[in-house]
Amino acid sequence: MRYNVRHMMGAEKYLCPYCEEPFDTEEELSKHIDKVHIGKGLLEGNRRKW
């Protein structure tokens, strides 16, 4: 997945496509999306959804 990248205060930030919160790395953004917007899935150990 490609994320929107913006320059903020001289540094690249990855913006959340749901809430536009900025993150320093794609990994941090991905974890945020999983935790806040999607929830834990099968690979994170929550099998109740499946």
N, C-alpha and C. Protein backbone atom coordinates (compact mmCIF):
# COMPACT_ATOMS: atom_id res chain seq x y z
N MET A 1 0.84 -1.17 0.00
CA MET A 1 0.00 0.00 0.00
C MET A 1 0.89 1.24 0.00
N ARG A 2 0.52 2.21 -0.78
CA ARG A 2 1.27 3.47 -0.80
C ARG A 2 0.61 4.46 0.14
N TYR A 3 1.44 5.14 0.91
CA TYR A 3 0.93 6.12 1.85
C TYR A 3 1.26 7.51 1.38
N ASN A 4 0.44 8.46 1.77
CA ASN A 4 0.66 9.86 1.46
C ASN A 4 1.82 10.37 2.30
N VAL A 5 2.83 10.93 1.65
CA VAL A 5 4.01 11.44 2.35
C VAL A 5 4.02 12.95 2.22
N ARG A 6 4.21 13.63 3.35
CA ARG A 6 4.30 15.09 3.34
C ARG A 6 5.57 15.52 4.05
N HIS A 7 6.03 16.67 3.67
CA HIS A 7 7.18 17.25 4.35
C HIS A 7 6.66 18.19 5.43
N MET A 8 7.01 17.88 6.67
CA MET A 8 6.57 18.69 7.80
C MET A 8 7.79 19.02 8.64
N MET A 9 8.03 20.29 8.83
CA MET A 9 9.16 20.75 9.62
C MET A 9 10.47 20.15 9.12
N GLY A 10 10.64 20.08 7.81
CA GLY A 10 11.87 19.61 7.20
C GLY A 10 12.03 18.10 7.14
N ALA A 11 11.04 17.35 7.60
CA ALA A 11 11.15 15.89 7.59
C ALA A 11 9.95 15.29 6.87
N GLU A 12 10.17 14.14 6.24
CA GLU A 12 9.06 13.43 5.61
C GLU A 12 8.21 12.78 6.68
N LYS A 13 6.92 12.90 6.53
CA LYS A 13 5.98 12.26 7.44
C LYS A 13 4.99 11.45 6.62
N TYR A 14 4.63 10.29 7.12
CA TYR A 14 3.64 9.44 6.49
C TYR A 14 2.30 9.72 7.15
N LEU A 15 1.32 10.12 6.35
CA LEU A 15 0.02 10.51 6.90
C LEU A 15 -0.96 9.35 6.85
N CYS A 16 -1.67 9.19 7.95
CA CYS A 16 -2.71 8.17 8.01
C CYS A 16 -3.83 8.54 7.05
N PRO A 17 -4.24 7.61 6.19
CA PRO A 17 -5.33 7.92 5.25
C PRO A 17 -6.70 8.05 5.92
N TYR A 18 -6.81 7.63 7.18
CA TYR A 18 -8.08 7.71 7.89
C TYR A 18 -8.20 9.00 8.69
N CYS A 19 -7.15 9.38 9.42
CA CYS A 19 -7.24 10.54 10.32
C CYS A 19 -6.17 11.60 10.05
N GLU A 20 -5.28 11.35 9.10
CA GLU A 20 -4.21 12.26 8.71
C GLU A 20 -3.19 12.55 9.81
N GLU A 21 -3.11 11.67 10.80
CA GLU A 21 -2.07 11.80 11.82
C GLU A 21 -0.72 11.48 11.18
N PRO A 22 0.32 12.29 11.45
CA PRO A 22 1.63 12.05 10.83
C PRO A 22 2.49 11.05 11.61
N PHE A 23 3.27 10.24 10.87
CA PHE A 23 4.19 9.28 11.47
C PHE A 23 5.54 9.37 10.78
N ASP A 24 6.59 9.03 11.52
CA ASP A 24 7.95 9.12 10.99
C ASP A 24 8.29 7.99 10.02
N THR A 25 7.70 6.83 10.21
CA THR A 25 8.02 5.68 9.36
C THR A 25 6.75 5.00 8.87
N GLU A 26 6.88 4.26 7.77
CA GLU A 26 5.76 3.48 7.27
C GLU A 26 5.35 2.41 8.27
N GLU A 27 6.33 1.86 8.97
CA GLU A 27 6.04 0.81 9.95
C GLU A 27 5.18 1.36 11.09
N GLU A 28 5.51 2.56 11.59
CA GLU A 28 4.70 3.17 12.65
C GLU A 28 3.29 3.43 12.15
N LEU A 29 3.17 3.92 10.93
CA LEU A 29 1.85 4.19 10.35
C LEU A 29 1.06 2.90 10.20
N SER A 30 1.68 1.85 9.72
CA SER A 30 1.01 0.58 9.54
C SER A 30 0.50 0.03 10.87
N LYS A 31 1.31 0.12 11.90
CA LYS A 31 0.89 -0.35 13.23
C LYS A 31 -0.28 0.47 13.74
N HIS A 32 -0.23 1.80 13.52
CA HIS A 32 -1.32 2.69 13.94
C HIS A 32 -2.62 2.29 13.26
N ILE A 33 -2.58 2.09 11.93
CA ILE A 33 -3.78 1.72 11.18
C ILE A 33 -4.35 0.41 11.70
N ASP A 34 -3.49 -0.58 11.90
CA ASP A 34 -3.94 -1.88 12.40
C ASP A 34 -4.58 -1.75 13.79
N LYS A 35 -3.95 -0.99 14.65
CA LYS A 35 -4.39 -0.89 16.04
C LYS A 35 -5.62 0.01 16.22
N VAL A 36 -5.62 1.16 15.56
CA VAL A 36 -6.65 2.16 15.81
C VAL A 36 -7.84 2.04 14.85
N HIS A 37 -7.57 1.82 13.58
CA HIS A 37 -8.63 1.90 12.58
C HIS A 37 -9.17 0.55 12.14
N ILE A 38 -8.37 -0.49 12.15
CA ILE A 38 -8.81 -1.79 11.66
C ILE A 38 -8.97 -2.78 12.78
N GLY A 39 -8.10 -2.75 13.74
CA GLY A 39 -8.12 -3.72 14.82
C GLY A 39 -7.21 -4.88 14.48
N LYS A 40 -6.91 -5.67 15.48
CA LYS A 40 -6.03 -6.81 15.26
C LYS A 40 -6.73 -7.85 14.40
N GLY A 41 -6.00 -8.38 13.46
CA GLY A 41 -6.55 -9.39 12.57
C GLY A 41 -6.02 -10.76 12.90
N LEU A 42 -6.20 -11.67 12.00
CA LEU A 42 -5.82 -13.06 12.19
C LEU A 42 -4.33 -13.21 12.50
N LEU A 43 -3.48 -12.46 11.81
CA LEU A 43 -2.04 -12.59 12.01
C LEU A 43 -1.58 -12.03 13.34
N GLU A 44 -2.35 -11.15 13.95
CA GLU A 44 -1.98 -10.59 15.25
C GLU A 44 -2.56 -11.39 16.41
N GLY A 45 -3.25 -12.47 16.12
CA GLY A 45 -3.73 -13.34 17.19
C GLY A 45 -5.19 -13.22 17.56
N ASN A 46 -5.93 -12.31 16.98
CA ASN A 46 -7.34 -12.18 17.29
C ASN A 46 -8.13 -12.98 16.28
N ARG A 47 -8.55 -14.18 16.64
CA ARG A 47 -9.25 -15.06 15.71
C ARG A 47 -10.76 -14.90 15.79
N ARG A 48 -11.25 -14.08 16.70
CA ARG A 48 -12.70 -13.90 16.84
C ARG A 48 -13.34 -13.33 15.58
N LYS A 49 -12.60 -12.53 14.82
CA LYS A 49 -13.15 -11.92 13.61
C LYS A 49 -13.29 -12.94 12.49
N TRP A 50 -12.60 -14.08 12.59
CA TRP A 50 -12.58 -15.04 11.49
C TRP A 50 -13.37 -16.22 11.89
